[in-house]
Amino acid sequence: MKSPALLLIGAHSLATALALALASPAFADQALASKHACTACHAADRKLVGPSFKDISARYASDAGAAERLAAKIRAGGVGAWGAMPMPPNASIPEADAKALVTWILNPPRGKPAQ
């Protein structure tokens, strides 16, 4: 039988991890960016093949309709908004994931650029 102290420590650790996950959705969305290979072309604060997440956030900060358009662009692809390099379509990304990614990019955690 485990000691009550070890059970309490385990319960506290689980509660802390759950609280962090709920309070910091950026962790989940950074994982989505990696899962869907966004980070092959985009970085947090520097241009790779495509613009940085920070630059995307800055460009669309005052555009109320940007989130819907950008989520659609993730899935459909596009060209011309950031130069001649096309963004290939990513139709296999579920719509909910595309929306979560855009929300994360446009609303990075305070003090940190989206990664």
PDB file of N, CA and C in Angstrom:
ATOM      1  N   MET A   1       0.838  -1.185   0.000  1.00  0.00           N
ATOM      2  CA  MET A   1       0.000   0.000   0.000  1.00  0.00           C
ATOM      3  C   MET A   1       0.876   1.238   0.000  1.00  0.00           C
ATOM      4  N   LYS A   2       0.494   2.214  -0.783  1.00  0.00           N
ATOM      5  CA  LYS A   2       1.267   3.455  -0.854  1.00  0.00           C
ATOM      6  C   LYS A   2       0.969   4.312   0.365  1.00  0.00           C
ATOM      7  N   SER A   3       1.974   5.086   0.735  1.00  0.00           N
ATOM      8  CA  SER A   3       1.780   5.956   1.892  1.00  0.00           C
ATOM      9  C   SER A   3       0.854   7.103   1.522  1.00  0.00           C
ATOM     10  N   PRO A   4       0.096   7.621   2.483  1.00  0.00           N
ATOM     11  CA  PRO A   4      -0.790   8.761   2.208  1.00  0.00           C
ATOM     12  C   PRO A   4      -0.024   9.973   1.683  1.00  0.00           C
ATOM     13  N   ALA A   5       1.211  10.159   2.128  1.00  0.00           N
ATOM     14  CA  ALA A   5       2.002  11.304   1.663  1.00  0.00           C
ATOM     15  C   ALA A   5       2.290  11.193   0.166  1.00  0.00           C
ATOM     16  N   LEU A   6       2.638   9.977  -0.293  1.00  0.00           N
ATOM     17  CA  LEU A   6       2.906   9.795  -1.722  1.00  0.00           C
ATOM     18  C   LEU A   6       1.640   9.995  -2.552  1.00  0.00           C
ATOM     19  N   LEU A   7       0.516   9.525  -2.054  1.00  0.00           N
ATOM     20  CA  LEU A   7      -0.748   9.738  -2.764  1.00  0.00           C
ATOM     21  C   LEU A   7      -1.084  11.222  -2.850  1.00  0.00           C
ATOM     22  N   LEU A   8      -0.836  11.948  -1.765  1.00  0.00           N
ATOM     23  CA  LEU A   8      -1.106  13.383  -1.749  1.00  0.00           C
ATOM     24  C   LEU A   8      -0.200  14.115  -2.735  1.00  0.00           C
ATOM     25  N   ILE A   9       1.071  13.746  -2.782  1.00  0.00           N
ATOM     26  CA  ILE A   9       2.012  14.365  -3.719  1.00  0.00           C
ATOM     27  C   ILE A   9       1.582  14.069  -5.150  1.00  0.00           C
ATOM     28  N   GLY A  10       1.184  12.837  -5.421  1.00  0.00           N
ATOM     29  CA  GLY A  10       0.738  12.463  -6.757  1.00  0.00           C
ATOM     30  C   GLY A  10      -0.511  13.227  -7.161  1.00  0.00           C
ATOM     31  N   ALA A  11      -1.450  13.351  -6.237  1.00  0.00           N
ATOM     32  CA  ALA A  11      -2.691  14.086  -6.531  1.00  0.00           C
ATOM     33  C   ALA A  11      -2.391  15.556  -6.781  1.00  0.00           C
ATOM     34  N   HIS A  12      -1.487  16.127  -5.991  1.00  0.00           N
ATOM     35  CA  HIS A  12      -1.109  17.529  -6.172  1.00  0.00           C
ATOM     36  C   HIS A  12      -0.446  17.735  -7.525  1.00  0.00           C
ATOM     37  N   SER A  13       0.439  16.820  -7.911  1.00  0.00           N
ATOM     38  CA  SER A  13       1.117  16.926  -9.204  1.00  0.00           C
ATOM     39  C   SER A  13       0.123  16.850 -10.351  1.00  0.00           C
ATOM     40  N   LEU A  14      -0.825  15.945 -10.253  1.00  0.00           N
ATOM     41  CA  LEU A  14      -1.844  15.811 -11.283  1.00  0.00           C
ATOM     42  C   LEU A  14      -2.706  17.068 -11.365  1.00  0.00           C
ATOM     43  N   ALA A  15      -3.098  17.599 -10.222  1.00  0.00           N
ATOM     44  CA  ALA A  15      -3.913  18.821 -10.195  1.00  0.00           C
ATOM     45  C   ALA A  15      -3.145  19.999 -10.776  1.00  0.00           C
ATOM     46  N   THR A  16      -1.860  20.100 -10.491  1.00  0.00           N
ATOM     47  CA  THR A  16      -1.036  21.181 -11.025  1.00  0.00           C
ATOM     48  C   THR A  16      -0.913  21.067 -12.538  1.00  0.00           C
ATOM     49  N   ALA A  17      -0.677  19.858 -13.034  1.00  0.00           N
ATOM     50  CA  ALA A  17      -0.559  19.659 -14.481  1.00  0.00           C
ATOM     51  C   ALA A  17      -1.875  19.994 -15.180  1.00  0.00           C
ATOM     52  N   LEU A  18      -2.985  19.595 -14.604  1.00  0.00           N
ATOM     53  CA  LEU A  18      -4.285  19.891 -15.188  1.00  0.00           C
ATOM     54  C   LEU A  18      -4.538  21.398 -15.202  1.00  0.00           C
ATOM     55  N   ALA A  19      -4.220  22.066 -14.113  1.00  0.00           N
ATOM     56  CA  ALA A  19      -4.418  23.517 -14.040  1.00  0.00           C
ATOM     57  C   ALA A  19      -3.571  24.232 -15.084  1.00  0.00           C
ATOM     58  N   LEU A  20      -2.335  23.808 -15.273  1.00  0.00           N
ATOM     59  CA  LEU A  20      -1.469  24.420 -16.284  1.00  0.00           C
ATOM     60  C   LEU A  20      -2.013  24.181 -17.688  1.00  0.00           C
ATOM     61  N   ALA A  21      -2.501  22.991 -17.936  1.00  0.00           N
ATOM     62  CA  ALA A  21      -3.045  22.688 -19.262  1.00  0.00           C
ATOM     63  C   ALA A  21      -4.272  23.539 -19.551  1.00  0.00           C
ATOM     64  N   LEU A  22      -5.121  23.729 -18.557  1.00  0.00           N
ATOM     65  CA  LEU A  22      -6.327  24.522 -18.764  1.00  0.00           C
ATOM     66  C   LEU A  22      -6.017  26.015 -18.854  1.00  0.00           C
ATOM     67  N   ALA A  23      -5.022  26.476 -18.108  1.00  0.00           N
ATOM     68  CA  ALA A  23      -4.684  27.894 -18.086  1.00  0.00           C
ATOM     69  C   ALA A  23      -3.785  28.300 -19.252  1.00  0.00           C
ATOM     70  N   SER A  24      -3.119  27.337 -19.888  1.00  0.00           N
ATOM     71  CA  SER A  24      -2.156  27.642 -20.937  1.00  0.00           C
ATOM     72  C   SER A  24      -2.456  26.853 -22.204  1.00  0.00           C
ATOM     73  N   PRO A  25      -3.490  27.233 -22.943  1.00  0.00           N
ATOM     74  CA  PRO A  25      -3.788  26.500 -24.163  1.00  0.00           C
ATOM     75  C   PRO A  25      -2.684  26.586 -25.198  1.00  0.00           C
ATOM     76  N   ALA A  26      -1.735  27.506 -25.016  1.00  0.00           N
ATOM     77  CA  ALA A  26      -0.638  27.627 -25.977  1.00  0.00           C
ATOM     78  C   ALA A  26       0.160  26.345 -26.074  1.00  0.00           C
ATOM     79  N   PHE A  27       0.276  25.589 -24.987  1.00  0.00           N
ATOM     80  CA  PHE A  27       1.003  24.327 -25.053  1.00  0.00           C
ATOM     81  C   PHE A  27       0.334  23.396 -26.054  1.00  0.00           C
ATOM     82  N   ALA A  28      -0.974  23.279 -25.983  1.00  0.00           N
ATOM     83  CA  ALA A  28      -1.698  22.398 -26.884  1.00  0.00           C
ATOM     84  C   ALA A  28      -1.589  22.894 -28.315  1.00  0.00           C
ATOM     85  N   ASP A  29      -1.640  24.198 -28.527  1.00  0.00           N
ATOM     86  CA  ASP A  29      -1.610  24.712 -29.879  1.00  0.00           C
ATOM     87  C   ASP A  29      -0.213  24.680 -30.484  1.00  0.00           C
ATOM     88  N   GLN A  30       0.804  24.795 -29.665  1.00  0.00           N
ATOM     89  CA  GLN A  30       2.161  24.617 -30.164  1.00  0.00           C
ATOM     90  C   GLN A  30       2.326  23.167 -30.608  1.00  0.00           C
ATOM     91  N   ALA A  31       1.741  22.255 -29.865  1.00  0.00           N
ATOM     92  CA  ALA A  31       1.774  20.849 -30.259  1.00  0.00           C
ATOM     93  C   ALA A  31       1.032  20.647 -31.579  1.00  0.00           C
ATOM     94  N   LEU A  32      -0.084  21.347 -31.755  1.00  0.00           N
ATOM     95  CA  LEU A  32      -0.814  21.266 -33.031  1.00  0.00           C
ATOM     96  C   LEU A  32       0.041  21.780 -34.180  1.00  0.00           C
ATOM     97  N   ALA A  33       0.751  22.875 -33.958  1.00  0.00           N
ATOM     98  CA  ALA A  33       1.608  23.435 -35.004  1.00  0.00           C
ATOM     99  C   ALA A  33       2.683  22.431 -35.407  1.00  0.00           C
ATOM    100  N   SER A  34       3.223  21.724 -34.448  1.00  0.00           N
ATOM    101  CA  SER A  34       4.220  20.694 -34.750  1.00  0.00           C
ATOM    102  C   SER A  34       3.566  19.493 -35.426  1.00  0.00           C
ATOM    103  N   LYS A  35       2.438  19.065 -34.891  1.00  0.00           N
ATOM    104  CA  LYS A  35       1.726  17.896 -35.429  1.00  0.00           C
ATOM    105  C   LYS A  35       1.368  18.091 -36.900  1.00  0.00           C
ATOM    106  N   HIS A  36       0.929  19.276 -37.251  1.00  0.00           N
ATOM    107  CA  HIS A  36       0.493  19.543 -38.619  1.00  0.00           C
ATOM    108  C   HIS A  36       1.599  20.134 -39.491  1.00  0.00           C
ATOM    109  N   ALA A  37       2.835  20.097 -39.013  1.00  0.00           N
ATOM    110  CA  ALA A  37       4.030  20.505 -39.760  1.00  0.00           C
ATOM    111  C   ALA A  37       4.079  21.997 -40.096  1.00  0.00           C
ATOM    112  N   CYS A  38       3.345  22.821 -39.360  1.00  0.00           N
ATOM    113  CA  CYS A  38       3.403  24.277 -39.577  1.00  0.00           C
ATOM    114  C   CYS A  38       4.818  24.796 -39.339  1.00  0.00           C
ATOM    115  N   THR A  39       5.505  24.180 -38.381  1.00  0.00           N
ATOM    116  CA  THR A  39       6.834  24.653 -37.997  1.00  0.00           C
ATOM    117  C   THR A  39       7.907  24.296 -39.025  1.00  0.00           C
ATOM    118  N   ALA A  40       7.544  23.552 -40.057  1.00  0.00           N
ATOM    119  CA  ALA A  40       8.495  23.307 -41.143  1.00  0.00           C
ATOM    120  C   ALA A  40       8.724  24.586 -41.947  1.00  0.00           C
ATOM    121  N   CYS A  41       7.713  25.457 -41.978  1.00  0.00           N
ATOM    122  CA  CYS A  41       7.805  26.688 -42.769  1.00  0.00           C
ATOM    123  C   CYS A  41       7.702  27.966 -41.942  1.00  0.00           C
ATOM    124  N   HIS A  42       7.213  27.871 -40.711  1.00  0.00           N
ATOM    125  CA  HIS A  42       7.005  29.053 -39.866  1.00  0.00           C
ATOM    126  C   HIS A  42       7.725  28.878 -38.533  1.00  0.00           C
ATOM    127  N   ALA A  43       8.339  29.946 -38.056  1.00  0.00           N
ATOM    128  CA  ALA A  43       8.995  29.954 -36.744  1.00  0.00           C
ATOM    129  C   ALA A  43       8.340  31.035 -35.890  1.00  0.00           C
ATOM    130  N   ALA A  44       8.649  31.025 -34.620  1.00  0.00           N
ATOM    131  CA  ALA A  44       8.041  31.971 -33.687  1.00  0.00           C
ATOM    132  C   ALA A  44       8.344  33.417 -34.046  1.00  0.00           C
ATOM    133  N   ASP A  45       9.621  33.720 -34.263  1.00  0.00           N
ATOM    134  CA  ASP A  45       9.997  35.125 -34.391  1.00  0.00           C
ATOM    135  C   ASP A  45      10.956  35.424 -35.535  1.00  0.00           C
ATOM    136  N   ARG A  46      11.045  34.521 -36.498  1.00  0.00           N
ATOM    137  CA  ARG A  46      11.878  34.781 -37.664  1.00  0.00           C
ATOM    138  C   ARG A  46      11.272  34.110 -38.889  1.00  0.00           C
ATOM    139  N   LYS A  47      11.489  34.712 -40.029  1.00  0.00           N
ATOM    140  CA  LYS A  47      10.993  34.172 -41.290  1.00  0.00           C
ATOM    141  C   LYS A  47      11.758  32.898 -41.623  1.00  0.00           C
ATOM    142  N   LEU A  48      11.054  31.881 -42.007  1.00  0.00           N
ATOM    143  CA  LEU A  48      11.677  30.688 -42.583  1.00  0.00           C
ATOM    144  C   LEU A  48      11.266  30.677 -44.056  1.00  0.00           C
ATOM    145  N   VAL A  49      10.485  29.718 -44.463  1.00  0.00           N
ATOM    146  CA  VAL A  49       9.917  29.719 -45.806  1.00  0.00           C
ATOM    147  C   VAL A  49       8.777  30.723 -45.848  1.00  0.00           C
ATOM    148  N   GLY A  50       7.967  30.720 -44.786  1.00  0.00           N
ATOM    149  CA  GLY A  50       6.861  31.655 -44.655  1.00  0.00           C
ATOM    150  C   GLY A  50       7.135  32.633 -43.526  1.00  0.00           C
ATOM    151  N   PRO A  51       6.214  33.549 -43.295  1.00  0.00           N
ATOM    152  CA  PRO A  51       6.409  34.558 -42.244  1.00  0.00           C
ATOM    153  C   PRO A  51       6.402  33.939 -40.852  1.00  0.00           C
ATOM    154  N   SER A  52       6.977  34.667 -39.908  1.00  0.00           N
ATOM    155  CA  SER A  52       6.975  34.196 -38.518  1.00  0.00           C
ATOM    156  C   SER A  52       5.567  34.325 -37.933  1.00  0.00           C
ATOM    157  N   PHE A  53       5.288  33.541 -36.916  1.00  0.00           N
ATOM    158  CA  PHE A  53       4.007  33.649 -36.225  1.00  0.00           C
ATOM    159  C   PHE A  53       3.846  35.061 -35.646  1.00  0.00           C
ATOM    160  N   LYS A  54       4.950  35.628 -35.174  1.00  0.00           N
ATOM    161  CA  LYS A  54       4.918  36.982 -34.616  1.00  0.00           C
ATOM    162  C   LYS A  54       4.511  38.001 -35.686  1.00  0.00           C
ATOM    163  N   ASP A  55       5.047  37.879 -36.892  1.00  0.00           N
ATOM    164  CA  ASP A  55       4.702  38.805 -37.972  1.00  0.00           C
ATOM    165  C   ASP A  55       3.251  38.638 -38.405  1.00  0.00           C
ATOM    166  N   ILE A  56       2.775  37.402 -38.438  1.00  0.00           N
ATOM    167  CA  ILE A  56       1.373  37.162 -38.787  1.00  0.00           C
ATOM    168  C   ILE A  56       0.472  37.820 -37.749  1.00  0.00           C
ATOM    169  N   SER A  57       0.802  37.617 -36.485  1.00  0.00           N
ATOM    170  CA  SER A  57       0.017  38.208 -35.403  1.00  0.00           C
ATOM    171  C   SER A  57      -0.014  39.729 -35.510  1.00  0.00           C
ATOM    172  N   ALA A  58       1.141  40.332 -35.796  1.00  0.00           N
ATOM    173  CA  ALA A  58       1.216  41.796 -35.905  1.00  0.00           C
ATOM    174  C   ALA A  58       0.410  42.313 -37.095  1.00  0.00           C
ATOM    175  N   ARG A  59       0.507  41.636 -38.235  1.00  0.00           N
ATOM    176  CA  ARG A  59      -0.200  42.110 -39.430  1.00  0.00           C
ATOM    177  C   ARG A  59      -1.711  42.097 -39.237  1.00  0.00           C
ATOM    178  N   TYR A  60      -2.234  41.088 -38.559  1.00  0.00           N
ATOM    179  CA  TYR A  60      -3.682  40.923 -38.458  1.00  0.00           C
ATOM    180  C   TYR A  60      -4.254  41.332 -37.104  1.00  0.00           C
ATOM    181  N   ALA A  61      -3.465  42.011 -36.285  1.00  0.00           N
ATOM    182  CA  ALA A  61      -3.892  42.367 -34.921  1.00  0.00           C
ATOM    183  C   ALA A  61      -5.181  43.174 -34.884  1.00  0.00           C
ATOM    184  N   SER A  62      -5.372  44.069 -35.818  1.00  0.00           N
ATOM    185  CA  SER A  62      -6.558  44.925 -35.776  1.00  0.00           C
ATOM    186  C   SER A  62      -7.635  44.502 -36.781  1.00  0.00           C
ATOM    187  N   ASP A  63      -7.496  43.326 -37.356  1.00  0.00           N
ATOM    188  CA  ASP A  63      -8.423  42.833 -38.370  1.00  0.00           C
ATOM    189  C   ASP A  63      -9.393  41.845 -37.722  1.00  0.00           C
ATOM    190  N   ALA A  64     -10.616  42.290 -37.469  1.00  0.00           N
ATOM    191  CA  ALA A  64     -11.598  41.471 -36.766  1.00  0.00           C
ATOM    192  C   ALA A  64     -11.976  40.207 -37.538  1.00  0.00           C
ATOM    193  N   GLY A  65     -11.893  40.216 -38.840  1.00  0.00           N
ATOM    194  CA  GLY A  65     -12.278  39.050 -39.629  1.00  0.00           C
ATOM    195  C   GLY A  65     -11.127  38.130 -39.995  1.00  0.00           C
ATOM    196  N   ALA A  66      -9.947  38.427 -39.498  1.00  0.00           N
ATOM    197  CA  ALA A  66      -8.759  37.673 -39.898  1.00  0.00           C
ATOM    198  C   ALA A  66      -8.811  36.216 -39.481  1.00  0.00           C
ATOM    199  N   ALA A  67      -9.324  35.923 -38.315  1.00  0.00           N
ATOM    200  CA  ALA A  67      -9.278  34.548 -37.811  1.00  0.00           C
ATOM    201  C   ALA A  67      -9.971  33.574 -38.759  1.00  0.00           C
ATOM    202  N   GLU A  68     -11.159  33.917 -39.203  1.00  0.00           N
ATOM    203  CA  GLU A  68     -11.899  33.037 -40.124  1.00  0.00           C
ATOM    204  C   GLU A  68     -11.155  32.889 -41.454  1.00  0.00           C
ATOM    205  N   ARG A  69     -10.666  33.999 -42.002  1.00  0.00           N
ATOM    206  CA  ARG A  69      -9.963  33.943 -43.283  1.00  0.00           C
ATOM    207  C   ARG A  69      -8.670  33.141 -43.185  1.00  0.00           C
ATOM    208  N   LEU A  70      -7.937  33.336 -42.090  1.00  0.00           N
ATOM    209  CA  LEU A  70      -6.669  32.620 -41.941  1.00  0.00           C
ATOM    210  C   LEU A  70      -6.884  31.126 -41.712  1.00  0.00           C
ATOM    211  N   ALA A  71      -7.909  30.766 -40.963  1.00  0.00           N
ATOM    212  CA  ALA A  71      -8.212  29.346 -40.772  1.00  0.00           C
ATOM    213  C   ALA A  71      -8.553  28.705 -42.117  1.00  0.00           C
ATOM    214  N   ALA A  72      -9.311  29.417 -42.944  1.00  0.00           N
ATOM    215  CA  ALA A  72      -9.643  28.903 -44.275  1.00  0.00           C
ATOM    216  C   ALA A  72      -8.390  28.811 -45.140  1.00  0.00           C
ATOM    217  N   LYS A  73      -7.493  29.798 -45.014  1.00  0.00           N
ATOM    218  CA  LYS A  73      -6.264  29.799 -45.805  1.00  0.00           C
ATOM    219  C   LYS A  73      -5.343  28.644 -45.412  1.00  0.00           C
ATOM    220  N   ILE A  74      -5.320  28.295 -44.137  1.00  0.00           N
ATOM    221  CA  ILE A  74      -4.511  27.144 -43.711  1.00  0.00           C
ATOM    222  C   ILE A  74      -4.947  25.910 -44.486  1.00  0.00           C
ATOM    223  N   ARG A  75      -6.241  25.720 -44.610  1.00  0.00           N
ATOM    224  CA  ARG A  75      -6.782  24.518 -45.256  1.00  0.00           C
ATOM    225  C   ARG A  75      -6.733  24.602 -46.785  1.00  0.00           C
ATOM    226  N   ALA A  76      -6.946  25.787 -47.355  1.00  0.00           N
ATOM    227  CA  ALA A  76      -7.023  25.928 -48.821  1.00  0.00           C
ATOM    228  C   ALA A  76      -5.695  26.309 -49.463  1.00  0.00           C
ATOM    229  N   GLY A  77      -4.771  26.883 -48.682  1.00  0.00           N
ATOM    230  CA  GLY A  77      -3.525  27.381 -49.239  1.00  0.00           C
ATOM    231  C   GLY A  77      -3.721  28.780 -49.809  1.00  0.00           C
ATOM    232  N   GLY A  78      -2.664  29.334 -50.336  1.00  0.00           N
ATOM    233  CA  GLY A  78      -2.761  30.669 -50.924  1.00  0.00           C
ATOM    234  C   GLY A  78      -1.404  31.153 -51.397  1.00  0.00           C
ATOM    235  N   VAL A  79      -1.418  32.290 -52.042  1.00  0.00           N
ATOM    236  CA  VAL A  79      -0.188  32.903 -52.524  1.00  0.00           C
ATOM    237  C   VAL A  79      -0.417  34.404 -52.648  1.00  0.00           C
ATOM    238  N   GLY A  80       0.645  35.174 -52.430  1.00  0.00           N
ATOM    239  CA  GLY A  80       0.585  36.606 -52.660  1.00  0.00           C
ATOM    240  C   GLY A  80       0.499  37.472 -51.424  1.00  0.00           C
ATOM    241  N   ALA A  81      -0.025  36.971 -50.323  1.00  0.00           N
ATOM    242  CA  ALA A  81      -0.167  37.798 -49.124  1.00  0.00           C
ATOM    243  C   ALA A  81       1.184  38.142 -48.509  1.00  0.00           C
ATOM    244  N   TRP A  82       2.171  37.247 -48.666  1.00  0.00           N
ATOM    245  CA  TRP A  82       3.488  37.451 -48.064  1.00  0.00           C
ATOM    246  C   TRP A  82       4.599  37.338 -49.112  1.00  0.00           C
ATOM    247  N   GLY A  83       4.269  37.513 -50.369  1.00  0.00           N
ATOM    248  CA  GLY A  83       5.265  37.389 -51.429  1.00  0.00           C
ATOM    249  C   GLY A  83       4.879  36.280 -52.392  1.00  0.00           C
ATOM    250  N   ALA A  84       5.832  35.880 -53.206  1.00  0.00           N
ATOM    251  CA  ALA A  84       5.554  34.929 -54.280  1.00  0.00           C
ATOM    252  C   ALA A  84       5.501  33.475 -53.822  1.00  0.00           C
ATOM    253  N   MET A  85       6.069  33.177 -52.665  1.00  0.00           N
ATOM    254  CA  MET A  85       6.099  31.788 -52.195  1.00  0.00           C
ATOM    255  C   MET A  85       4.690  31.351 -51.805  1.00  0.00           C
ATOM    256  N   PRO A  86       4.162  30.299 -52.439  1.00  0.00           N
ATOM    257  CA  PRO A  86       2.814  29.849 -52.095  1.00  0.00           C
ATOM    258  C   PRO A  86       2.798  29.053 -50.792  1.00  0.00           C
ATOM    259  N   MET A  87       1.667  29.136 -50.108  1.00  0.00           N
ATOM    260  CA  MET A  87       1.421  28.256 -48.964  1.00  0.00           C
ATOM    261  C   MET A  87       0.587  27.107 -49.503  1.00  0.00           C
ATOM    262  N   PRO A  88       1.102  25.888 -49.408  1.00  0.00           N
ATOM    263  CA  PRO A  88       0.346  24.767 -49.958  1.00  0.00           C
ATOM    264  C   PRO A  88      -0.929  24.518 -49.158  1.00  0.00           C
ATOM    265  N   PRO A  89      -1.938  23.938 -49.799  1.00  0.00           N
ATOM    266  CA  PRO A  89      -3.153  23.618 -49.060  1.00  0.00           C
ATOM    267  C   PRO A  89      -2.890  22.521 -48.040  1.00  0.00           C
ATOM    268  N   ASN A  90      -3.572  22.615 -46.927  1.00  0.00           N
ATOM    269  CA  ASN A  90      -3.468  21.629 -45.846  1.00  0.00           C
ATOM    270  C   ASN A  90      -4.876  21.147 -45.503  1.00  0.00           C
ATOM    271  N   ALA A  91      -5.563  20.619 -46.495  1.00  0.00           N
ATOM    272  CA  ALA A  91      -6.972  20.231 -46.346  1.00  0.00           C
ATOM    273  C   ALA A  91      -7.170  19.119 -45.323  1.00  0.00           C
ATOM    274  N   SER A  92      -6.119  18.384 -44.996  1.00  0.00           N
ATOM    275  CA  SER A  92      -6.267  17.291 -44.019  1.00  0.00           C
ATOM    276  C   SER A  92      -6.314  17.798 -42.581  1.00  0.00           C
ATOM    277  N   ILE A  93      -5.985  19.070 -42.364  1.00  0.00           N
ATOM    278  CA  ILE A  93      -6.074  19.641 -41.021  1.00  0.00           C
ATOM    279  C   ILE A  93      -7.549  19.869 -40.701  1.00  0.00           C
ATOM    280  N   PRO A  94      -8.038  19.271 -39.615  1.00  0.00           N
ATOM    281  CA  PRO A  94      -9.445  19.499 -39.255  1.00  0.00           C
ATOM    282  C   PRO A  94      -9.719  20.992 -39.044  1.00  0.00           C
ATOM    283  N   GLU A  95     -10.918  21.407 -39.399  1.00  0.00           N
ATOM    284  CA  GLU A  95     -11.288  22.821 -39.274  1.00  0.00           C
ATOM    285  C   GLU A  95     -11.090  23.325 -37.848  1.00  0.00           C
ATOM    286  N   ALA A  96     -11.433  22.502 -36.871  1.00  0.00           N
ATOM    287  CA  ALA A  96     -11.268  22.907 -35.467  1.00  0.00           C
ATOM    288  C   ALA A  96      -9.798  23.144 -35.138  1.00  0.00           C
ATOM    289  N   ASP A  97      -8.900  22.315 -35.670  1.00  0.00           N
ATOM    290  CA  ASP A  97      -7.470  22.509 -35.433  1.00  0.00           C
ATOM    291  C   ASP A  97      -6.983  23.788 -36.112  1.00  0.00           C
ATOM    292  N   ALA A  98      -7.451  24.051 -37.328  1.00  0.00           N
ATOM    293  CA  ALA A  98      -7.048  25.280 -38.032  1.00  0.00           C
ATOM    294  C   ALA A  98      -7.476  26.501 -37.237  1.00  0.00           C
ATOM    295  N   LYS A  99      -8.700  26.475 -36.706  1.00  0.00           N
ATOM    296  CA  LYS A  99      -9.179  27.606 -35.904  1.00  0.00           C
ATOM    297  C   LYS A  99      -8.376  27.752 -34.620  1.00  0.00           C
ATOM    298  N   ALA A 100      -8.027  26.639 -33.972  1.00  0.00           N
ATOM    299  CA  ALA A 100      -7.223  26.696 -32.749  1.00  0.00           C
ATOM    300  C   ALA A 100      -5.836  27.260 -33.044  1.00  0.00           C
ATOM    301  N   LEU A 101      -5.251  26.861 -34.166  1.00  0.00           N
ATOM    302  CA  LEU A 101      -3.936  27.385 -34.544  1.00  0.00           C
ATOM    303  C   LEU A 101      -3.984  28.888 -34.785  1.00  0.00           C
ATOM    304  N   VAL A 102      -4.992  29.349 -35.492  1.00  0.00           N
ATOM    305  CA  VAL A 102      -5.109  30.783 -35.769  1.00  0.00           C
ATOM    306  C   VAL A 102      -5.323  31.565 -34.479  1.00  0.00           C
ATOM    307  N   THR A 103      -6.160  31.048 -33.597  1.00  0.00           N
ATOM    308  CA  THR A 103      -6.381  31.713 -32.304  1.00  0.00           C
ATOM    309  C   THR A 103      -5.068  31.825 -31.548  1.00  0.00           C
ATOM    310  N   TRP A 104      -4.285  30.769 -31.556  1.00  0.00           N
ATOM    311  CA  TRP A 104      -2.991  30.751 -30.869  1.00  0.00           C
ATOM    312  C   TRP A 104      -2.016  31.740 -31.512  1.00  0.00           C
ATOM    313  N   ILE A 105      -1.982  31.787 -32.842  1.00  0.00           N
ATOM    314  CA  ILE A 105      -1.063  32.689 -33.540  1.00  0.00           C
ATOM    315  C   ILE A 105      -1.453  34.154 -33.312  1.00  0.00           C
ATOM    316  N   LEU A 106      -2.737  34.436 -33.391  1.00  0.00           N
ATOM    317  CA  LEU A 106      -3.182  35.825 -33.255  1.00  0.00           C
ATOM    318  C   LEU A 106      -3.201  36.316 -31.815  1.00  0.00           C
ATOM    319  N   ASN A 107      -3.193  35.405 -30.860  1.00  0.00           N
ATOM    320  CA  ASN A 107      -3.243  35.763 -29.437  1.00  0.00           C
ATOM    321  C   ASN A 107      -2.145  35.048 -28.671  1.00  0.00           C
ATOM    322  N   PRO A 108      -0.869  35.370 -28.962  1.00  0.00           N
ATOM    323  CA  PRO A 108       0.213  34.666 -28.276  1.00  0.00           C
ATOM    324  C   PRO A 108       0.204  34.962 -26.781  1.00  0.00           C
ATOM    325  N   PRO A 109       0.746  34.042 -25.975  1.00  0.00           N
ATOM    326  CA  PRO A 109       0.847  34.300 -24.533  1.00  0.00           C
ATOM    327  C   PRO A 109       1.607  35.591 -24.295  1.00  0.00           C
ATOM    328  N   ARG A 110       1.162  36.362 -23.330  1.00  0.00           N
ATOM    329  CA  ARG A 110       1.821  37.630 -23.024  1.00  0.00           C
ATOM    330  C   ARG A 110       3.289  37.449 -22.747  1.00  0.00           C
ATOM    331  N   GLY A 111       4.081  38.316 -23.360  1.00  0.00           N
ATOM    332  CA  GLY A 111       5.530  38.300 -23.128  1.00  0.00           C
ATOM    333  C   GLY A 111       6.266  37.281 -23.978  1.00  0.00           C
ATOM    334  N   LYS A 112       5.530  36.401 -24.685  1.00  0.00           N
ATOM    335  CA  LYS A 112       6.190  35.391 -25.488  1.00  0.00           C
ATOM    336  C   LYS A 112       5.531  35.350 -26.864  1.00  0.00           C
ATOM    337  N   PRO A 113       6.330  35.284 -27.920  1.00  0.00           N
ATOM    338  CA  PRO A 113       5.720  35.091 -29.229  1.00  0.00           C
ATOM    339  C   PRO A 113       5.241  33.654 -29.357  1.00  0.00           C
ATOM    340  N   ALA A 114       4.264  33.423 -30.201  1.00  0.00           N
ATOM    341  CA  ALA A 114       3.824  32.061 -30.470  1.00  0.00           C
ATOM    342  C   ALA A 114       5.004  31.298 -31.048  1.00  0.00           C
ATOM    343  N   GLN A 115       5.141  30.033 -30.687  1.00  0.00           N
ATOM    344  CA  GLN A 115       6.268  29.243 -31.177  1.00  0.00           C
ATOM    345  C   GLN A 115       5.797  28.101 -32.017  1.00  0.00           C
TER     346      GLN A 115
END
